[in-house]
Amino acid sequence: QPLCTQISGLSSGQTRLCQLYQDHMSHVGRGARIGIGECQWQFRNRRWNCSTVEDSSVFGPVLQIASREAAFTHAVAAAGVVHAVSRACRDGALSSCGCSRAARPRDLHRDWIWGGCGDNIEYGYRFAEGFVDVREREKNFQKGTRRQGRSLMNLHNNEAGRRAVIRKTKVTCKCHGVSGSCSLITCWQQLSSFREIGDHLKDKYDGATEVKINKRGKLQVANSKFNVPTAEELVYVDDSPDYCMRNKTIGSVGTKGRVCNRKSMGMDGCKLLCCGRGFNTFKGHFEGAM
């Protein structure tokens, strides 16, 4: 009980689940940190680099704007929880789950043995769905309102993050036998690296769909020319700010003082990163083995 009251930012529903699953919480925290780290790596060369105005807050006020950046942060954090809990099951760190019980893939060679101790992605998915989504599901916003739209957006992107973990899951096999004879092959379900999941979600961020809330309390595409997004796509309601200037209200730390690439025409180039404000050039001398 004391543990759950010490964790800042939990909703009432999450606090209840924390009390029931206290042994899960260190893995939930690790998953969130994995998500933050991946977010910061994926956006390291962008104006918004997944940093926060106030370090005490995980993703900062950027989440107040229903932007595609908010969409990515919800998805990558949810994916991090699935990843960490699934691996904890496999490692025997949780009493309520163990190795994966996933069905044998149909296309697996008939002579190969489906076994070993796989990552329990089924359990990780279910737990993350319950724990992460309860924050939105316990809210009771009026149908068709902007606040309900934001809540539905969060739920959609949470699910996209969880599905990204499933999408990138792979089958790993190992040879057994004397002197590498491979007389026996066992295979199991394995999580991909979180970098692969982050790359996948970054692609989804780049192709995110703008949506709006309708009077029936459902999300719909803002522009009817575009296809309805699948459960694996990211969605957003608001256009992103430019993140050039420091602005606590929108969660922008600005780009002043950032290092840019003078020779690049991309997002990390001085022209884009400095927002046309100019930049200083420094020459450095580096010693050491190359």
Protein backbone atom coordinates (compact mmCIF):
# COMPACT_ATOMS: atom_id res chain seq x y z
CA GLN A 1 0.00 0.00 0.00
CA PRO A 2 2.63 2.68 0.85
CA LEU A 3 4.37 1.98 -2.48
CA CYS A 4 1.27 2.88 -4.47
CA THR A 5 0.70 6.18 -2.68
CA GLN A 6 4.33 7.18 -3.28
CA ILE A 7 4.13 6.83 -7.07
CA SER A 8 3.13 10.21 -8.46
CA GLY A 9 0.73 10.53 -11.37
CA LEU A 10 -1.37 7.38 -10.84
CA SER A 11 -5.11 7.71 -11.34
CA SER A 12 -7.46 6.22 -8.73
CA GLY A 13 -7.99 3.13 -10.88
CA GLN A 14 -4.27 2.68 -11.39
CA THR A 15 -3.68 3.02 -7.64
CA ARG A 16 -6.17 0.18 -7.03
CA LEU A 17 -4.42 -2.01 -9.61
CA CYS A 18 -1.06 -1.09 -8.08
CA GLN A 19 -2.28 -2.40 -4.71
CA LEU A 20 -3.34 -5.68 -6.34
CA TYR A 21 -0.18 -6.09 -8.43
CA GLN A 22 2.57 -4.50 -6.36
CA ASP A 23 5.18 -6.91 -7.73
CA HIS A 24 4.41 -5.62 -11.24
CA MET A 25 5.10 -1.97 -10.49
CA SER A 26 8.88 -1.98 -10.84
CA HIS A 27 8.42 -3.51 -14.30
CA VAL A 28 5.74 -0.96 -15.21
CA GLY A 29 8.17 1.78 -14.18
CA ARG A 30 10.97 0.20 -16.17
CA GLY A 31 8.69 -0.05 -19.20
CA ALA A 32 7.80 3.63 -18.94
CA ARG A 33 11.50 4.54 -18.72
CA ILE A 34 12.24 2.37 -21.78
CA GLY A 35 9.49 4.27 -23.60
CA ILE A 36 10.85 7.68 -22.58
CA GLY A 37 14.38 6.72 -23.58
CA GLU A 38 13.21 5.50 -26.97
CA CYS A 39 11.14 8.66 -27.49
CA GLN A 40 14.20 10.81 -26.76
CA TRP A 41 16.35 8.76 -29.15
CA GLN A 42 13.82 8.83 -32.00
CA PHE A 43 13.40 12.61 -31.72
CA ARG A 44 16.97 13.52 -30.80
CA ASN A 45 17.41 15.58 -33.99
CA ARG A 46 13.98 17.24 -34.02
CA ARG A 47 12.82 20.56 -32.62
CA TRP A 48 10.73 18.62 -30.13
CA ASN A 49 13.19 16.11 -28.69
CA CYS A 50 10.92 14.51 -26.09
CA SER A 51 12.47 16.58 -23.31
CA THR A 52 10.32 18.30 -20.71
CA VAL A 53 10.10 21.79 -19.26
CA GLU A 54 9.79 20.35 -15.76
CA ASP A 55 11.90 17.23 -15.20
CA SER A 56 9.55 16.06 -12.45
CA SER A 57 6.94 15.34 -15.10
CA VAL A 58 7.57 12.39 -17.41
CA PHE A 59 6.46 13.87 -20.71
CA GLY A 60 5.60 17.37 -19.53
CA PRO A 61 2.74 19.61 -20.66
CA VAL A 62 3.18 18.55 -24.30
CA LEU A 63 0.50 16.01 -23.43
CA GLN A 64 -1.94 18.87 -22.87
CA ILE A 65 -2.01 19.38 -26.63
CA ALA A 66 -3.62 16.53 -28.56
CA SER A 67 -0.79 16.58 -31.10
CA ARG A 68 0.97 13.81 -32.97
CA GLU A 69 3.78 14.14 -30.39
CA ALA A 70 1.26 13.29 -27.66
CA ALA A 71 0.08 10.38 -29.83
CA PHE A 72 3.62 9.02 -30.03
CA THR A 73 4.31 9.39 -26.31
CA HIS A 74 1.15 7.50 -25.35
CA ALA A 75 1.93 4.73 -27.84
CA VAL A 76 5.59 4.30 -26.90
CA ALA A 77 4.86 4.35 -23.15
CA ALA A 78 2.14 1.68 -23.54
CA ALA A 79 4.52 -0.39 -25.68
CA GLY A 80 7.20 -0.08 -23.00
CA VAL A 81 4.88 -1.52 -20.35
CA VAL A 82 3.95 -4.50 -22.57
CA HIS A 83 7.61 -5.14 -23.35
CA ALA A 84 8.82 -4.99 -19.73
CA VAL A 85 5.98 -7.07 -18.23
CA SER A 86 6.21 -9.71 -21.00
CA ARG A 87 9.92 -10.13 -20.34
CA ALA A 88 9.41 -10.20 -16.55
CA CYS A 89 7.00 -13.14 -17.00
CA ARG A 90 9.58 -15.05 -19.00
CA ASP A 91 12.27 -14.34 -16.43
CA GLY A 92 10.12 -15.72 -13.60
CA ALA A 93 9.98 -12.35 -11.85
CA LEU A 94 6.17 -12.35 -11.44
CA SER A 95 4.09 -14.90 -9.55
CA SER A 96 0.99 -14.50 -11.75
CA CYS A 97 2.60 -15.42 -15.08
CA GLY A 98 5.36 -17.50 -16.60
CA CYS A 99 6.62 -18.51 -20.04
CA SER A 100 4.49 -17.78 -23.09
CA ARG A 101 1.69 -20.22 -23.91
CA ALA A 102 1.34 -18.94 -27.46
CA ALA A 103 0.08 -21.45 -30.01
CA ARG A 104 2.55 -23.08 -32.36
CA PRO A 105 2.84 -21.08 -35.62
CA ARG A 106 1.26 -22.94 -38.54
CA ASP A 107 4.23 -22.33 -40.82
CA LEU A 108 6.82 -23.70 -38.39
CA HIS A 109 8.75 -26.67 -39.80
CA ARG A 110 6.95 -29.83 -38.64
CA ASP A 111 10.13 -31.43 -37.25
CA TRP A 112 10.98 -28.43 -35.11
CA ILE A 113 9.85 -28.37 -31.49
CA TRP A 114 7.71 -25.48 -30.27
CA GLY A 115 8.82 -24.91 -26.71
CA GLY A 116 11.52 -23.17 -24.78
CA CYS A 117 10.54 -20.27 -22.57
CA GLY A 118 9.12 -17.49 -24.71
CA ASP A 119 8.28 -13.92 -23.74
CA ASN A 120 4.70 -13.86 -22.44
CA ILE A 121 3.38 -11.14 -24.73
CA GLU A 122 -0.22 -12.26 -24.24
CA TYR A 123 -0.03 -11.54 -20.51
CA GLY A 124 1.99 -8.35 -21.03
CA TYR A 125 -0.60 -7.07 -23.49
CA ARG A 126 -3.56 -7.83 -21.20
CA PHE A 127 -1.92 -6.31 -18.13
CA ALA A 128 -0.82 -3.16 -19.97
CA GLU A 129 -4.29 -2.75 -21.47
CA GLY A 130 -5.91 -2.88 -18.04
CA PHE A 131 -3.35 -0.73 -16.23
CA VAL A 132 -2.69 1.95 -18.84
CA ASP A 133 -6.24 2.32 -20.18
CA VAL A 134 -8.04 2.53 -16.83
CA ARG A 135 -6.86 6.15 -16.57
CA GLU A 136 -9.08 7.04 -19.54
CA ARG A 137 -11.90 4.59 -18.92
CA GLU A 138 -12.65 5.92 -15.43
CA LYS A 139 -13.29 9.40 -16.86
CA ASN A 140 -16.89 10.24 -17.63
CA PHE A 141 -16.82 13.05 -20.18
CA GLN A 142 -19.93 14.23 -21.98
CA LYS A 143 -20.37 12.65 -25.42
CA GLY A 144 -19.06 14.64 -28.34
CA THR A 145 -17.02 17.06 -26.24
CA ARG A 146 -13.41 17.95 -26.91
CA ARG A 147 -12.33 16.29 -23.65
CA GLN A 148 -14.00 13.03 -24.64
CA GLY A 149 -12.27 13.24 -28.02
CA ARG A 150 -8.90 13.55 -26.33
CA SER A 151 -9.63 10.57 -24.11
CA LEU A 152 -10.60 8.43 -27.11
CA MET A 153 -7.45 9.58 -28.89
CA ASN A 154 -5.33 8.45 -25.95
CA LEU A 155 -7.04 5.04 -25.87
CA HIS A 156 -6.53 4.57 -29.60
CA ASN A 157 -2.82 5.42 -29.40
CA ASN A 158 -2.30 3.25 -26.30
CA GLU A 159 -3.66 0.33 -28.32
CA ALA A 160 -1.46 1.19 -31.31
CA GLY A 161 1.55 1.03 -29.01
CA ARG A 162 0.58 -2.36 -27.61
CA ARG A 163 -0.05 -3.73 -31.09
CA ALA A 164 3.36 -2.51 -32.22
CA VAL A 165 4.93 -4.93 -29.73
CA ILE A 166 2.83 -7.80 -31.11
CA ARG A 167 3.53 -6.80 -34.71
CA LYS A 168 7.30 -6.90 -34.16
CA THR A 169 7.30 -10.17 -32.17
CA LYS A 170 9.35 -12.91 -33.81
CA VAL A 171 10.02 -16.63 -33.58
CA THR A 172 13.53 -17.54 -32.44
CA CYS A 173 15.01 -21.02 -32.87
CA LYS A 174 18.03 -22.79 -31.44
CA CYS A 175 20.00 -25.85 -32.57
CA HIS A 176 20.79 -28.68 -30.17
CA GLY A 177 23.12 -31.60 -30.79
CA VAL A 178 26.67 -32.85 -30.52
CA SER A 179 29.26 -30.58 -32.19
CA GLY A 180 26.58 -28.36 -33.68
CA SER A 181 24.90 -31.25 -35.53
CA CYS A 182 21.51 -29.57 -35.10
CA SER A 183 19.75 -32.89 -34.54
CA LEU A 184 17.08 -31.05 -32.57
CA ILE A 185 15.66 -27.56 -33.10
CA THR A 186 13.50 -25.77 -30.54
CA CYS A 187 11.68 -22.51 -31.22
CA TRP A 188 9.88 -19.95 -29.06
CA GLN A 189 8.19 -16.56 -29.14
CA GLN A 190 10.51 -13.60 -28.56
CA LEU A 191 10.13 -9.85 -28.23
CA SER A 192 12.02 -7.78 -30.76
CA SER A 193 14.42 -5.12 -29.50
CA PHE A 194 12.64 -1.99 -28.30
CA ARG A 195 14.55 -0.03 -30.96
CA GLU A 196 12.68 -1.98 -33.65
CA ILE A 197 9.39 -1.15 -31.94
CA GLY A 198 10.44 2.51 -31.67
CA ASP A 199 11.32 2.62 -35.37
CA HIS A 200 7.93 1.11 -36.21
CA LEU A 201 6.08 3.67 -34.07
CA LYS A 202 8.15 6.52 -35.54
CA ASP A 203 6.91 5.46 -38.98
CA LYS A 204 3.37 5.53 -37.60
CA TYR A 205 4.03 9.03 -36.18
CA ASP A 206 5.14 10.26 -39.60
CA GLY A 207 1.94 8.90 -41.15
CA ALA A 208 -0.45 9.80 -38.29
CA THR A 209 -4.06 10.64 -39.15
CA GLU A 210 -5.86 13.79 -38.00
CA VAL A 211 -9.23 12.99 -36.39
CA LYS A 212 -12.09 14.84 -34.71
CA ILE A 213 -14.86 13.89 -32.30
CA ASN A 214 -18.38 13.72 -33.75
CA LYS A 215 -21.72 14.30 -32.01
CA ARG A 216 -22.18 10.56 -31.46
CA GLY A 217 -19.02 10.53 -29.36
CA LYS A 218 -16.86 8.70 -31.91
CA LEU A 219 -13.60 9.66 -33.56
CA GLN A 220 -13.74 10.25 -37.30
CA VAL A 221 -11.15 11.39 -39.84
CA ALA A 222 -10.94 15.18 -40.07
CA ASN A 223 -10.58 15.00 -43.85
CA SER A 224 -12.93 12.57 -45.61
CA LYS A 225 -10.36 12.09 -48.40
CA PHE A 226 -8.23 10.02 -46.03
CA ASN A 227 -8.84 6.41 -45.03
CA VAL A 228 -10.16 5.50 -41.60
CA PRO A 229 -7.09 4.66 -39.48
CA THR A 230 -6.63 1.08 -38.35
CA ALA A 231 -6.00 0.16 -34.72
CA GLU A 232 -2.27 0.11 -35.50
CA GLU A 233 -2.14 3.71 -36.76
CA LEU A 234 -1.57 6.80 -34.62
CA VAL A 235 -4.20 9.55 -34.49
CA TYR A 236 -4.15 13.17 -33.33
CA VAL A 237 -6.66 16.01 -32.92
CA ASP A 238 -4.54 19.20 -32.82
CA ASP A 239 -1.84 20.51 -35.12
CA SER A 240 1.61 20.57 -33.51
CA PRO A 241 3.15 23.87 -32.40
CA ASP A 242 6.52 24.66 -34.00
CA TYR A 243 8.44 24.06 -30.71
CA CYS A 244 10.90 26.84 -31.62
CA MET A 245 10.48 28.95 -28.50
CA ARG A 246 10.34 27.98 -24.85
CA ASN A 247 6.71 27.87 -23.76
CA LYS A 248 5.70 26.05 -20.57
CA THR A 249 2.02 26.07 -21.48
CA ILE A 250 2.55 23.84 -24.50
CA GLY A 251 5.49 21.92 -23.06
CA SER A 252 8.08 23.35 -25.43
CA VAL A 253 11.64 23.82 -24.15
CA GLY A 254 12.55 25.62 -27.38
CA THR A 255 15.66 24.97 -29.44
CA LYS A 256 17.96 27.65 -28.02
CA GLY A 257 21.33 26.12 -27.14
CA ARG A 258 20.75 22.91 -29.11
CA VAL A 259 23.53 21.52 -31.32
CA CYS A 260 22.68 21.49 -35.03
CA ASN A 261 24.38 20.08 -38.13
CA ARG A 262 25.49 22.97 -40.36
CA LYS A 263 25.87 20.72 -43.41
CA SER A 264 22.51 18.97 -43.11
CA MET A 265 19.35 19.98 -44.96
CA GLY A 266 17.32 17.60 -42.79
CA MET A 267 15.52 18.01 -39.46
CA ASP A 268 18.86 18.19 -37.62
CA GLY A 269 20.15 20.96 -39.90
CA CYS A 270 20.73 24.44 -38.49
CA LYS A 271 18.16 26.01 -40.81
CA LEU A 272 15.27 23.95 -39.43
CA LEU A 273 16.45 23.35 -35.88
CA CYS A 274 17.26 27.01 -35.23
CA CYS A 275 13.95 28.17 -36.74
CA GLY A 276 15.70 30.79 -38.87
CA ARG A 277 17.15 32.60 -35.84
CA GLY A 278 20.77 32.03 -36.83
CA PHE A 279 23.43 29.94 -35.12
CA ASN A 280 26.96 30.09 -33.77
CA THR A 281 29.73 27.92 -35.20
CA PHE A 282 32.40 26.40 -32.97
CA LYS A 283 35.59 24.65 -34.00
CA GLY A 284 36.79 21.89 -31.72
CA HIS A 285 39.91 19.79 -31.45
CA PHE A 286 39.34 16.20 -30.39
CA GLU A 287 42.13 13.93 -29.24
CA GLY A 288 42.06 10.18 -28.87
CA ALA A 289 42.04 7.01 -30.91
CA MET A 290 39.75 7.09 -33.91
